[in-house]
Amino acid sequence: MTTSKSTQWTTFQTPACQVDFTDSKLQGRMNQLWNTNLSGFTRQGITGNPWTATNSSDQTWYFDPTTTDISEGVYAQITWSPVPGRIKYYFPNISNPNMWSLADTGYDTNGATFGQIPADPCDSSDTSKTPYGPYGPRGWQDEYCEWSITRNANNQIVRIDFTCENPEYWNTLWMVSPQRVVELYRETLDKPQIALEDLYLRDVSGAPVIDPSTGRPAYDPLNKWNRGTASTAGAGGAIHLTSTPNTLQTEIGLGSTATTPRTSGNSNPNTLICCAQYGQIGRNSDPHIGQSVNLVVTPPNPALAPAKATLANPPGLYIQTPNFSRITAPRGIDPSTFWTVKRGQQSLTDPQGRQLPGNFILHAVFEVPAALGFTISDLQVDGVPVQWAAQIAQTFNMQIAAMALPQPKPGPVAQACAGSPAVPFAQALQLFHTPVFEAMLATPISNPVGQPMNLASNSTMIAPQIEPGAQRRPMTLVLTGLLDPPQLPTSISFGPGVDVFAGGPLRPVTYAIPGNTYPSTSYALSLLVSVASNAAPGLRDVTVTNPGQAPQVAVPALLNVIDPVAKDMV
């Protein structure tokens, strides 16, 4: 049942209901694209993984809030610390200064980086080790909040930028208007020197890569102004999340997977996360979020009704207002005056007039005005002098706003832990326009632990766009679940009006599929895609079939056939 627009949002709202365009046509295009992307992510979450996992699909106790009557829905706040919890989890005896230093820089106070950790923390019999991840210029900041630090010539902290903005939003914004993106970079980071060309994705020759989705240069999510934790006049800054697990599509996937009750492990957040195979144990965020959602669906009190669950609209990860009583400034100055919300809102109400829980801050700056004659390094948190931005991060929480929708008993049937099927089915993971994929794959990304990584790990699950009438457009499909040894699929289908020619051979590629902590090896397959001039616009699902296997469930929302008028508008 769908209720009227007067009682609920019938499209997915932008994070914090953010409005970034004064031009109503451009904002309308942004709203349309955002709703398309989030609708696709939600279908992906509900579908789950019926191809390469067992007991991890058809997750219908997660629901789409734009197509469901939510008048009886109840909001809930789920909060956690933004300081990377896995540091203390794996290194419990680490000192606070070393933990804060690692959280800020990826190095401890002696210049050492992270140590080795269990390769499979869910398997106590596996004694193998792996370098601490996620990898990347601030990959270890994996609690859906990242920050960059500006220091003066005396190494004192003068500014901290905290962001929880998801990369999907900024990639969508770029598809609508690169010029607006660079303006927002300048305004948010207070760096008028940022140039549009600084944000371009470039190939190995240094030339901008044209994205066939828009006909304009593609976006580099790890450009020099959104890279690392040190911010200077020449580079650095935190605009949106870059740690590979820190994506909104992943958060929807986590929430949907967590709605499945398990026959064991529901009472312990880390046991549950290993059983359901979402996220990483030891985080402050994922285990707590997953168990909180699981307990909504199957409450431990039998007197309570089971409930379907979802991320409340507008879906997002949000910074909360700090507990300023923990911060002491010279001369008794109120430290709350150092906190500026650059993007987002303090509060939101839904169309029914109900207030959503918590704050909806997307980007905040903590900075002592120069006129006061001291810096952040002259403050104390909990009586300890501030040397690290992580000390300020300890004073606030992150949140998601969730919604529970009570249902008649009984609740969903509990399932065994997720596992690997005896025979997997072909699964499409991502689809790219080939020039974009090749440029990302060929761009190495440095990280403190020196692990091989490339920019494809910072791609998103946004479906590439293609217009009706396109002929033999080069695209790359990334696959898993292939036969051993890998063989070309016998068929690939995007539905009526889309013709696909699959070239070969299959090529192994290694990167972190968006939302994953560590890189893995999948297979890339070159395609030529043509779209009939009368093909229906909208998201297309893809069915990939291995030799000798029957067609399985289609992977949702991998290609976006767009209205040519809409493309011209951007």
Protein backbone atom coordinates (compact mmCIF):
# COMPACT_ATOMS: atom_id res chain seq x y z
CA MET A 1 0.00 0.00 0.00
CA THR A 2 1.29 3.46 -0.87
CA THR A 3 0.05 6.42 1.14
CA SER A 4 -0.41 9.90 -0.24
CA LYS A 5 2.36 12.47 -0.42
CA SER A 6 0.67 14.41 2.37
CA THR A 7 1.44 11.68 4.93
CA GLN A 8 4.85 10.38 3.86
CA TRP A 9 7.71 10.89 1.46
CA THR A 10 7.01 8.79 -1.62
CA THR A 11 10.53 9.23 -2.97
CA PHE A 12 13.86 8.83 -1.22
CA GLN A 13 14.98 12.20 0.10
CA THR A 14 18.57 13.37 -0.18
CA PRO A 15 20.65 12.94 3.00
CA ALA A 16 19.37 15.36 5.65
CA CYS A 17 17.00 16.60 2.91
CA GLN A 18 19.98 18.53 1.58
CA VAL A 19 19.23 21.03 -1.22
CA ASP A 20 22.37 21.87 -3.18
CA PHE A 21 20.91 23.71 -6.19
CA THR A 22 19.07 27.01 -6.44
CA ASP A 23 18.04 26.04 -9.97
CA SER A 24 14.83 24.02 -9.55
CA LYS A 25 15.45 22.01 -12.74
CA LEU A 26 18.88 20.90 -11.57
CA GLN A 27 17.58 20.09 -8.09
CA GLY A 28 14.73 18.18 -9.67
CA ARG A 29 17.20 16.16 -11.72
CA MET A 30 19.27 15.53 -8.57
CA ASN A 31 16.20 14.36 -6.68
CA GLN A 32 15.20 12.07 -9.53
CA LEU A 33 18.63 10.47 -9.86
CA TRP A 34 18.97 10.08 -6.09
CA ASN A 35 15.60 8.37 -5.82
CA THR A 36 16.55 6.05 -8.69
CA ASN A 37 19.84 5.13 -7.03
CA LEU A 38 18.31 4.52 -3.59
CA SER A 39 15.44 2.51 -5.05
CA GLY A 40 18.01 0.28 -6.74
CA PHE A 41 20.10 -0.09 -3.57
CA THR A 42 16.97 -1.04 -1.61
CA ARG A 43 16.00 -3.72 -4.11
CA GLN A 44 19.55 -5.06 -3.99
CA GLY A 45 19.35 -5.26 -0.19
CA ILE A 46 16.02 -7.07 -0.19
CA THR A 47 17.17 -9.52 -2.88
CA GLY A 48 20.33 -10.33 -0.91
CA ASN A 49 22.67 -12.94 -2.34
CA PRO A 50 21.04 -16.09 -3.75
CA TRP A 51 23.99 -16.75 -6.12
CA THR A 52 27.12 -17.30 -4.05
CA ALA A 53 25.78 -17.62 -0.49
CA THR A 54 23.28 -19.76 1.38
CA ASN A 55 20.68 -18.41 3.83
CA SER A 56 21.30 -14.85 2.67
CA SER A 57 18.52 -13.92 0.26
CA ASP A 58 14.88 -12.86 -0.04
CA GLN A 59 15.23 -10.45 2.89
CA THR A 60 11.64 -9.21 2.81
CA TRP A 61 11.55 -8.11 6.44
CA TYR A 62 13.48 -5.10 5.22
CA PHE A 63 11.12 -2.72 3.45
CA ASP A 64 11.12 0.23 1.09
CA PRO A 65 9.73 3.24 3.04
CA THR A 66 8.66 5.00 -0.16
CA THR A 67 6.28 2.24 -1.26
CA THR A 68 5.02 1.08 2.14
CA ASP A 69 2.44 2.66 4.44
CA ILE A 70 4.58 3.87 7.35
CA SER A 71 1.84 5.64 9.32
CA GLU A 72 2.25 3.03 12.08
CA GLY A 73 6.02 3.03 11.86
CA VAL A 74 8.13 3.83 14.92
CA TYR A 75 11.44 5.68 14.65
CA ALA A 76 14.52 4.44 16.49
CA GLN A 77 17.98 5.91 16.96
CA ILE A 78 21.07 3.68 16.68
CA THR A 79 24.31 5.37 17.76
CA TRP A 80 28.01 4.49 17.99
CA SER A 81 31.42 6.13 18.40
CA PRO A 82 33.19 7.38 15.25
CA VAL A 83 36.62 6.40 16.59
CA PRO A 84 37.72 3.16 14.86
CA GLY A 85 36.75 0.42 17.32
CA ARG A 86 38.84 -2.26 15.64
CA ILE A 87 42.05 -0.61 16.85
CA LYS A 88 41.27 -1.37 20.49
CA TYR A 89 39.59 -4.66 19.57
CA TYR A 90 42.74 -6.07 17.96
CA PHE A 91 45.26 -4.21 20.11
CA PRO A 92 43.59 -4.06 23.54
CA ASN A 93 46.74 -3.00 25.37
CA ILE A 94 47.47 -0.03 23.13
CA SER A 95 47.86 3.32 24.90
CA ASN A 96 45.34 6.05 24.26
CA PRO A 97 47.90 8.35 22.59
CA ASN A 98 48.93 5.58 20.20
CA MET A 99 45.29 4.74 19.49
CA TRP A 100 44.44 8.41 18.80
CA SER A 101 47.53 8.76 16.60
CA LEU A 102 46.61 5.66 14.59
CA ALA A 103 43.04 6.91 14.21
CA ASP A 104 44.31 10.26 12.93
CA THR A 105 47.23 9.26 10.74
CA GLY A 106 47.53 5.48 10.33
CA TYR A 107 50.78 5.63 12.36
CA ASP A 108 51.36 5.49 16.11
CA THR A 109 53.40 8.03 18.06
CA ASN A 110 56.60 6.14 17.20
CA GLY A 111 55.90 6.17 13.48
CA ALA A 112 54.83 2.52 13.32
CA THR A 113 51.76 1.51 11.35
CA PHE A 114 49.12 -1.07 12.25
CA GLY A 115 50.18 -4.61 13.12
CA GLN A 116 48.95 -7.85 11.59
CA ILE A 117 45.48 -9.11 12.51
CA PRO A 118 43.62 -12.42 11.96
CA ALA A 119 42.86 -13.06 8.31
CA ASP A 120 39.50 -14.59 9.28
CA PRO A 121 38.44 -13.25 12.69
CA CYS A 122 35.27 -15.37 12.54
CA ASP A 123 37.27 -18.63 12.40
CA SER A 124 39.26 -19.23 15.57
CA SER A 125 41.00 -22.22 13.98
CA ASP A 126 42.52 -20.04 11.25
CA THR A 127 45.84 -18.69 12.54
CA SER A 128 46.83 -16.82 9.37
CA LYS A 129 47.39 -13.08 9.54
CA THR A 130 46.79 -10.13 7.22
CA PRO A 131 47.72 -6.44 7.30
CA TYR A 132 45.19 -4.30 9.14
CA GLY A 133 42.59 -2.86 6.74
CA PRO A 134 40.65 -1.27 5.16
CA TYR A 135 43.37 0.20 2.97
CA GLY A 136 43.49 3.69 1.56
CA PRO A 137 44.60 7.21 2.51
CA ARG A 138 42.19 7.13 5.48
CA GLY A 139 40.79 3.64 5.04
CA TRP A 140 41.16 2.76 8.73
CA GLN A 141 38.48 5.36 9.60
CA ASP A 142 35.78 2.76 8.98
CA GLU A 143 32.98 3.89 11.33
CA TYR A 144 31.15 5.96 8.67
CA CYS A 145 32.90 9.11 9.86
CA GLU A 146 36.18 10.42 8.50
CA TRP A 147 38.17 13.53 9.25
CA SER A 148 41.04 15.70 8.05
CA ILE A 149 43.27 17.85 10.24
CA THR A 150 44.84 21.23 9.54
CA ARG A 151 47.93 22.06 11.61
CA ASN A 152 49.94 25.28 11.76
CA ALA A 153 53.70 25.72 11.46
CA ASN A 154 54.06 24.77 15.14
CA ASN A 155 52.19 21.48 14.55
CA GLN A 156 49.20 22.73 16.51
CA ILE A 157 45.75 21.64 15.36
CA VAL A 158 43.85 24.64 14.03
CA ARG A 159 40.94 22.96 12.23
CA ILE A 160 39.26 19.55 11.97
CA ASP A 161 36.78 18.68 9.21
CA PHE A 162 34.44 15.81 10.08
CA THR A 163 32.34 14.24 7.34
CA CYS A 164 29.88 11.37 7.10
CA GLU A 165 28.64 12.15 3.58
CA ASN A 166 28.31 9.05 1.48
CA PRO A 167 30.24 8.78 -1.80
CA GLU A 168 27.10 7.86 -3.74
CA TYR A 169 25.61 11.29 -3.09
CA TRP A 170 28.67 13.16 -4.39
CA ASN A 171 28.95 10.92 -7.43
CA THR A 172 25.29 11.61 -8.18
CA LEU A 173 25.85 15.33 -7.66
CA TRP A 174 28.74 15.19 -10.14
CA MET A 175 26.52 13.53 -12.72
CA VAL A 176 24.16 16.50 -12.45
CA SER A 177 26.69 19.35 -12.26
CA PRO A 178 30.47 19.16 -11.85
CA GLN A 179 30.52 22.94 -11.53
CA ARG A 180 28.28 22.78 -8.48
CA VAL A 181 30.49 20.08 -6.99
CA VAL A 182 33.61 22.24 -7.19
CA GLU A 183 31.69 25.18 -5.71
CA LEU A 184 30.64 23.00 -2.77
CA TYR A 185 34.21 21.78 -2.29
CA ARG A 186 35.39 25.39 -2.06
CA GLU A 187 32.58 26.45 0.29
CA THR A 188 32.77 23.43 2.58
CA LEU A 189 36.56 23.28 2.95
CA ASP A 190 36.98 27.09 2.75
CA LYS A 191 39.51 26.63 -0.04
CA PRO A 192 38.76 28.93 -2.98
CA GLN A 193 41.90 27.64 -4.73
CA ILE A 194 40.22 24.32 -5.65
CA ALA A 195 39.88 24.00 -9.42
CA LEU A 196 37.36 21.92 -11.34
CA GLU A 197 40.17 20.12 -13.14
CA ASP A 198 41.50 18.93 -9.76
CA LEU A 199 38.47 16.65 -9.44
CA TYR A 200 38.76 14.88 -12.80
CA LEU A 201 39.44 11.18 -13.13
CA ARG A 202 42.49 10.77 -15.37
CA ASP A 203 43.93 7.90 -17.39
CA VAL A 204 47.53 6.70 -17.30
CA SER A 205 48.55 9.48 -19.70
CA GLY A 206 47.07 12.14 -17.41
CA ALA A 207 44.18 12.99 -19.76
CA PRO A 208 40.67 13.42 -18.33
CA VAL A 209 38.48 10.33 -18.79
CA ILE A 210 35.15 11.04 -20.44
CA ASP A 211 32.26 9.25 -18.75
CA PRO A 212 29.73 8.09 -21.38
CA SER A 213 27.00 8.38 -18.74
CA THR A 214 27.22 12.17 -19.06
CA GLY A 215 29.61 12.94 -21.93
CA ARG A 216 31.79 14.91 -19.48
CA PRO A 217 34.93 14.14 -17.49
CA ALA A 218 34.40 11.47 -14.85
CA TYR A 219 34.80 12.16 -11.12
CA ASP A 220 37.81 11.07 -9.08
CA PRO A 221 36.50 10.31 -5.56
CA LEU A 222 40.05 10.28 -4.20
CA ASN A 223 41.08 13.55 -5.80
CA LYS A 224 43.74 15.54 -3.97
CA TRP A 225 41.15 17.57 -2.02
CA ASN A 226 39.36 14.49 -0.63
CA ARG A 227 42.35 12.38 0.24
CA GLY A 228 44.02 11.48 3.51
CA THR A 229 43.82 13.03 6.96
CA ALA A 230 46.22 15.97 6.57
CA SER A 231 44.77 19.15 5.10
CA THR A 232 46.98 21.93 3.75
CA ALA A 233 46.63 24.87 1.38
CA GLY A 234 47.84 22.67 -1.47
CA ALA A 235 45.99 19.41 -0.90
CA GLY A 236 43.91 17.34 1.48
CA GLY A 237 40.48 17.58 3.00
CA ALA A 238 37.49 15.43 3.89
CA ILE A 239 34.45 16.05 1.70
CA HIS A 240 32.91 12.59 1.62
CA LEU A 241 33.69 9.11 2.90
CA THR A 242 36.54 7.18 1.24
CA SER A 243 37.13 4.10 3.40
CA THR A 244 35.89 1.27 1.18
CA PRO A 245 33.22 -0.05 3.63
CA ASN A 246 31.82 3.45 4.18
CA THR A 247 29.07 3.46 1.56
CA LEU A 248 25.32 3.96 1.87
CA GLN A 249 24.58 1.00 -0.39
CA THR A 250 26.53 -1.16 2.05
CA GLU A 251 24.62 0.23 5.01
CA ILE A 252 21.34 -0.69 3.32
CA GLY A 253 22.76 -4.15 2.62
CA LEU A 254 23.80 -4.51 6.27
CA GLY A 255 20.36 -3.44 7.49
CA SER A 256 18.53 -5.78 5.15
CA THR A 257 20.75 -8.78 5.97
CA ALA A 258 20.36 -8.11 9.69
CA THR A 259 16.57 -8.54 9.44
CA THR A 260 17.05 -12.30 9.08
CA PRO A 261 16.89 -14.05 12.49
CA ARG A 262 19.44 -16.82 12.96
CA THR A 263 19.17 -20.15 14.71
CA SER A 264 22.29 -19.22 16.69
CA GLY A 265 24.26 -16.13 17.54
CA ASN A 266 21.45 -13.56 17.84
CA SER A 267 22.42 -12.57 21.39
CA ASN A 268 26.00 -11.53 20.63
CA PRO A 269 26.70 -8.79 18.08
CA ASN A 270 30.03 -10.20 16.90
CA THR A 271 28.70 -13.77 16.74
CA LEU A 272 25.71 -12.54 14.75
CA ILE A 273 27.86 -10.60 12.29
CA CYS A 274 29.99 -13.70 11.66
CA CYS A 275 26.89 -15.86 11.26
CA ALA A 276 25.15 -13.48 8.84
CA GLN A 277 28.39 -12.45 7.10
CA TYR A 278 27.94 -8.69 6.98
CA GLY A 279 30.50 -6.08 8.02
CA GLN A 280 33.48 -6.65 10.30
CA ILE A 281 33.60 -7.68 13.94
CA GLY A 282 35.21 -5.22 16.32
CA ARG A 283 33.72 -2.12 14.74
CA ASN A 284 31.65 0.18 16.90
CA SER A 285 29.14 0.47 14.05
CA ASP A 286 28.34 -2.72 12.10
CA PRO A 287 27.92 -5.27 14.93
CA HIS A 288 25.83 -2.85 16.98
CA ILE A 289 23.70 -1.74 14.03
CA GLY A 290 23.12 -5.32 12.90
CA GLN A 291 22.10 -6.60 16.31
CA SER A 292 19.86 -3.57 16.93
CA VAL A 293 18.00 -4.24 13.66
CA ASN A 294 17.84 -7.98 14.38
CA LEU A 295 16.26 -7.39 17.79
CA VAL A 296 13.62 -5.15 16.21
CA VAL A 297 12.58 -7.91 13.82
CA THR A 298 12.64 -10.66 16.45
CA PRO A 299 12.31 -8.99 19.87
CA PRO A 300 13.60 -11.08 22.80
CA ASN A 301 10.44 -10.23 24.74
CA PRO A 302 7.75 -12.58 23.37
CA ALA A 303 5.08 -10.06 24.38
CA LEU A 304 6.35 -7.64 21.73
CA ALA A 305 5.25 -7.82 18.11
CA PRO A 306 7.81 -8.61 15.42
CA ALA A 307 8.51 -5.73 13.06
CA LYS A 308 9.82 -5.08 9.61
CA ALA A 309 12.72 -2.63 9.55
CA THR A 310 14.31 -0.05 7.30
CA LEU A 311 16.62 2.94 7.33
CA ALA A 312 14.32 5.87 7.91
CA ASN A 313 13.86 8.28 5.03
CA PRO A 314 16.13 10.19 4.34
CA PRO A 315 18.59 7.27 4.56
CA GLY A 316 22.04 8.28 5.67
CA LEU A 317 24.74 8.23 8.33
CA TYR A 318 24.74 11.30 10.55
CA ILE A 319 27.04 13.09 12.99
CA GLN A 320 25.56 14.01 16.38
CA THR A 321 26.23 17.16 18.38
CA PRO A 322 29.28 16.73 20.66
CA ASN A 323 29.09 16.59 24.42
CA PHE A 324 30.83 19.92 24.88
CA SER A 325 30.99 19.47 28.67
CA ARG A 326 33.89 17.07 28.05
CA ILE A 327 35.92 19.84 26.37
CA THR A 328 37.69 22.56 28.35
CA ALA A 329 38.94 25.77 26.73
CA PRO A 330 41.20 28.52 28.12
CA ARG A 331 39.52 31.37 29.99
CA GLY A 332 36.36 29.31 30.35
CA ILE A 333 35.29 29.98 26.75
CA ASP A 334 32.37 27.86 25.61
CA PRO A 335 33.77 25.17 23.24
CA SER A 336 30.41 24.82 21.49
CA THR A 337 31.25 28.10 19.73
CA PHE A 338 34.10 26.28 17.91
CA TRP A 339 31.65 23.85 16.24
CA THR A 340 30.16 24.82 12.88
CA VAL A 341 27.71 22.68 10.93
CA LYS A 342 28.66 23.20 7.29
CA ARG A 343 26.18 20.75 5.78
CA GLY A 344 23.11 18.99 7.13
CA GLN A 345 20.55 19.92 9.76
CA GLN A 346 20.13 19.79 13.51
CA SER A 347 16.72 18.14 13.24
CA LEU A 348 14.17 16.84 10.76
CA THR A 349 10.43 16.23 10.77
CA ASP A 350 8.59 13.90 8.42
CA PRO A 351 5.47 14.81 6.40
CA GLN A 352 3.29 13.65 9.32
CA GLY A 353 4.99 16.22 11.54
CA ARG A 354 6.85 13.61 13.56
CA GLN A 355 10.37 14.53 14.61
CA LEU A 356 13.04 12.07 13.60
CA PRO A 357 15.49 11.10 16.34
CA GLY A 358 18.87 12.77 16.71
CA ASN A 359 20.76 15.24 14.58
CA PHE A 360 21.31 15.11 10.82
CA ILE A 361 24.75 16.68 10.49
CA LEU A 362 26.68 15.78 7.34
CA HIS A 363 29.81 17.91 7.66
CA ALA A 364 31.05 19.83 10.68
CA VAL A 365 34.14 21.91 11.33
CA PHE A 366 35.77 22.26 14.74
CA GLU A 367 37.96 25.37 14.73
CA VAL A 368 39.04 27.94 17.28
CA PRO A 369 38.76 31.50 15.90
CA ALA A 370 42.26 32.90 15.37
CA ALA A 371 41.27 36.07 17.20
CA LEU A 372 41.10 34.15 20.49
CA GLY A 373 44.86 33.60 20.40
CA PHE A 374 44.90 29.85 21.01
CA THR A 375 44.28 26.65 19.04
CA ILE A 376 42.57 23.28 19.39
CA SER A 377 45.86 22.00 20.80
CA ASP A 378 45.29 24.27 23.82
CA LEU A 379 42.03 22.51 24.70
CA GLN A 380 41.50 19.52 26.95
CA VAL A 381 39.11 16.58 26.52
CA ASP A 382 38.25 14.75 29.72
CA GLY A 383 41.12 16.63 31.34
CA VAL A 384 43.71 15.44 28.81
CA PRO A 385 45.45 18.01 26.54
CA VAL A 386 44.38 17.65 22.92
CA GLN A 387 47.07 16.36 20.59
CA TRP A 388 44.88 14.39 18.20
CA ALA A 389 41.64 15.03 16.35
CA ALA A 390 40.40 11.63 17.53
CA GLN A 391 40.10 13.12 21.01
CA ILE A 392 37.48 15.53 19.69
CA ALA A 393 35.83 12.67 17.76
CA GLN A 394 35.39 10.87 21.09
CA THR A 395 33.00 13.58 22.25
CA PHE A 396 30.26 12.82 19.73
CA ASN A 397 28.39 9.86 18.29
CA MET A 398 27.28 8.76 14.87
CA GLN A 399 23.77 7.59 14.15
CA ILE A 400 21.39 6.03 11.73
CA ALA A 401 17.68 6.70 12.14
CA ALA A 402 15.81 3.44 11.69
CA MET A 403 12.13 2.63 11.47
CA ALA A 404 10.27 -0.39 12.83
CA LEU A 405 6.91 -1.36 11.36
CA PRO A 406 5.03 -3.77 13.71
CA GLN A 407 3.65 -6.90 12.07
CA PRO A 408 1.26 -9.65 13.13
CA LYS A 409 2.84 -12.70 14.71
CA PRO A 410 4.61 -14.90 13.85
CA GLY A 411 7.80 -13.22 12.73
CA PRO A 412 10.20 -14.48 10.08
CA VAL A 413 11.54 -18.00 10.27
CA ALA A 414 15.04 -18.23 11.72
CA GLN A 415 17.72 -19.43 9.32
CA ALA A 416 21.08 -21.11 9.82
CA CYS A 417 24.25 -19.11 9.32
CA ALA A 418 25.11 -17.92 5.85
CA GLY A 419 27.56 -20.13 3.99
CA SER A 420 28.90 -21.07 0.60
CA PRO A 421 26.80 -23.23 -1.73
CA ALA A 422 28.25 -26.44 -3.11
CA VAL A 423 27.79 -25.05 -6.61
CA PRO A 424 27.56 -21.25 -6.97
CA PHE A 425 25.71 -19.41 -9.70
CA ALA A 426 27.08 -16.56 -11.79
CA GLN A 427 26.66 -13.24 -10.03
CA ALA A 428 27.11 -9.82 -11.60
CA LEU A 429 28.82 -7.53 -9.09
CA GLN A 430 29.22 -4.24 -10.94
CA LEU A 431 28.85 -2.70 -14.38
CA PHE A 432 31.04 0.12 -15.69
CA HIS A 433 31.57 2.11 -18.82
CA THR A 434 34.89 0.61 -19.90
CA PRO A 435 36.98 3.82 -20.05
CA VAL A 436 36.00 4.65 -16.45
CA PHE A 437 36.74 1.16 -15.18
CA GLU A 438 40.12 0.91 -16.90
CA ALA A 439 41.23 4.30 -15.56
CA MET A 440 40.19 3.42 -12.01
CA LEU A 441 41.79 -0.01 -12.14
CA ALA A 442 45.06 1.49 -13.41
CA THR A 443 45.24 4.15 -10.67
CA PRO A 444 47.26 2.90 -7.66
CA ILE A 445 46.32 4.18 -4.21
CA SER A 446 48.90 4.52 -1.46
CA ASN A 447 48.13 3.46 2.10
CA PRO A 448 50.09 3.26 5.38
CA VAL A 449 50.39 -0.54 5.34
CA GLY A 450 51.66 -0.58 1.76
CA GLN A 451 49.09 -3.03 0.42
CA PRO A 452 48.26 -3.08 -3.32
CA MET A 453 45.10 -1.07 -3.94
CA ASN A 454 43.58 0.73 -6.87
CA LEU A 455 40.92 3.37 -7.36
CA ALA A 456 38.28 0.84 -8.48
CA SER A 457 37.87 0.13 -4.76
CA ASN A 458 36.41 3.63 -4.47
CA SER A 459 33.85 3.16 -7.22
CA THR A 460 30.17 3.01 -6.30
CA MET A 461 27.20 0.78 -7.08
CA ILE A 462 25.46 3.59 -8.98
CA ALA A 463 24.20 2.11 -12.24
CA PRO A 464 25.96 3.58 -15.29
CA GLN A 465 23.65 5.47 -17.64
CA ILE A 466 23.01 4.65 -21.27
CA GLU A 467 20.55 6.33 -23.62
CA PRO A 468 18.11 4.73 -26.08
CA GLY A 469 19.71 4.47 -29.51
CA ALA A 470 23.22 3.85 -28.14
CA GLN A 471 25.11 1.41 -30.34
CA ARG A 472 27.84 -1.05 -29.29
CA ARG A 473 28.84 0.97 -26.23
CA PRO A 474 31.93 -0.58 -24.55
CA MET A 475 31.08 -1.66 -21.01
CA THR A 476 32.72 -3.95 -18.45
CA LEU A 477 30.80 -6.40 -16.29
CA VAL A 478 32.50 -7.65 -13.12
CA LEU A 479 31.50 -11.21 -12.18
CA THR A 480 31.89 -13.83 -9.51
CA GLY A 481 30.37 -17.28 -8.95
CA LEU A 482 31.81 -18.61 -12.22
CA LEU A 483 32.61 -22.24 -12.88
CA ASP A 484 36.05 -23.66 -12.10
CA PRO A 485 37.91 -23.03 -14.32
CA PRO A 486 36.05 -19.82 -15.26
CA GLN A 487 34.03 -20.01 -18.47
CA LEU A 488 32.21 -17.36 -20.43
CA PRO A 489 28.53 -17.11 -19.48
CA THR A 490 26.13 -18.67 -21.94
CA SER A 491 23.82 -15.66 -21.68
CA ILE A 492 23.70 -12.14 -20.32
CA SER A 493 20.38 -10.31 -20.36
CA PHE A 494 19.37 -6.77 -19.40
CA GLY A 495 15.80 -7.27 -20.56
CA PRO A 496 13.82 -6.02 -23.59
CA GLY A 497 15.43 -3.46 -25.85
CA VAL A 498 19.00 -4.02 -24.67
CA ASP A 499 21.33 -6.19 -26.79
CA VAL A 500 24.61 -7.47 -25.42
CA PHE A 501 27.64 -8.90 -27.16
CA ALA A 502 30.10 -10.44 -24.70
CA GLY A 503 33.71 -10.53 -25.73
CA GLY A 504 36.41 -12.51 -24.05
CA PRO A 505 38.46 -13.68 -22.43
CA LEU A 506 37.51 -13.35 -18.77
CA ARG A 507 40.14 -11.26 -17.01
CA PRO A 508 40.91 -11.54 -13.28
CA VAL A 509 40.76 -8.16 -11.53
CA THR A 510 41.54 -7.41 -7.89
CA TYR A 511 39.94 -4.58 -5.94
CA ALA A 512 37.55 -4.08 -3.03
CA ILE A 513 34.02 -4.34 -4.35
CA PRO A 514 32.29 -1.21 -2.94
CA GLY A 515 31.35 -1.79 0.67
CA ASN A 516 33.98 -4.47 1.28
CA THR A 517 36.86 -4.06 3.69
CA TYR A 518 39.46 -5.99 1.70
CA PRO A 519 40.25 -6.45 -2.00
CA SER A 520 39.23 -9.71 -3.65
CA THR A 521 39.67 -11.20 -7.10
CA SER A 522 36.71 -11.21 -9.49
CA TYR A 523 36.47 -11.47 -13.27
CA ALA A 524 35.98 -8.65 -15.77
CA LEU A 525 34.16 -9.30 -19.00
CA SER A 526 34.13 -6.83 -21.90
CA LEU A 527 30.69 -6.11 -23.36
CA LEU A 528 29.31 -4.14 -26.26
CA VAL A 529 25.86 -2.84 -25.32
CA SER A 530 23.25 -1.49 -27.71
CA VAL A 531 19.91 0.00 -26.70
CA ALA A 532 16.88 0.19 -29.00
CA SER A 533 15.59 3.68 -29.72
CA ASN A 534 12.24 2.76 -28.18
CA ALA A 535 13.63 0.99 -25.10
CA ALA A 536 11.80 1.78 -21.88
CA PRO A 537 13.81 4.02 -19.54
CA GLY A 538 14.63 2.95 -16.01
CA LEU A 539 16.89 0.66 -14.02
CA ARG A 540 17.65 -2.69 -15.62
CA ASP A 541 18.45 -5.91 -13.79
CA VAL A 542 20.93 -8.38 -15.27
CA THR A 543 20.74 -12.15 -15.50
CA VAL A 544 24.02 -13.97 -16.06
CA THR A 545 24.01 -17.72 -16.67
CA ASN A 546 26.89 -20.17 -16.38
CA PRO A 547 27.24 -23.00 -18.91
CA GLY A 548 25.05 -25.94 -17.91
CA GLN A 549 23.05 -23.95 -15.34
CA ALA A 550 19.50 -22.63 -15.50
CA PRO A 551 18.96 -18.83 -15.36
CA GLN A 552 18.74 -17.58 -11.79
CA VAL A 553 17.37 -14.47 -10.11
CA ALA A 554 18.49 -11.25 -11.81
CA VAL A 555 20.86 -8.91 -10.01
CA PRO A 556 18.91 -5.68 -9.48
CA ALA A 557 19.70 -2.24 -10.79
CA LEU A 558 23.01 -2.54 -12.65
CA LEU A 559 22.17 -0.44 -15.74
CA ASN A 560 20.15 2.78 -16.02
CA VAL A 561 18.48 3.41 -19.39
CA ILE A 562 17.79 7.13 -19.22
CA ASP A 563 15.39 9.42 -20.98
CA PRO A 564 17.46 11.41 -23.55
CA VAL A 565 15.66 14.59 -22.45
CA ALA A 566 16.90 14.02 -18.90
CA LYS A 567 20.46 13.52 -20.13
CA ASP A 568 20.32 16.73 -22.14
CA MET A 569 19.11 18.57 -19.06
CA VAL A 570 22.40 17.92 -17.24
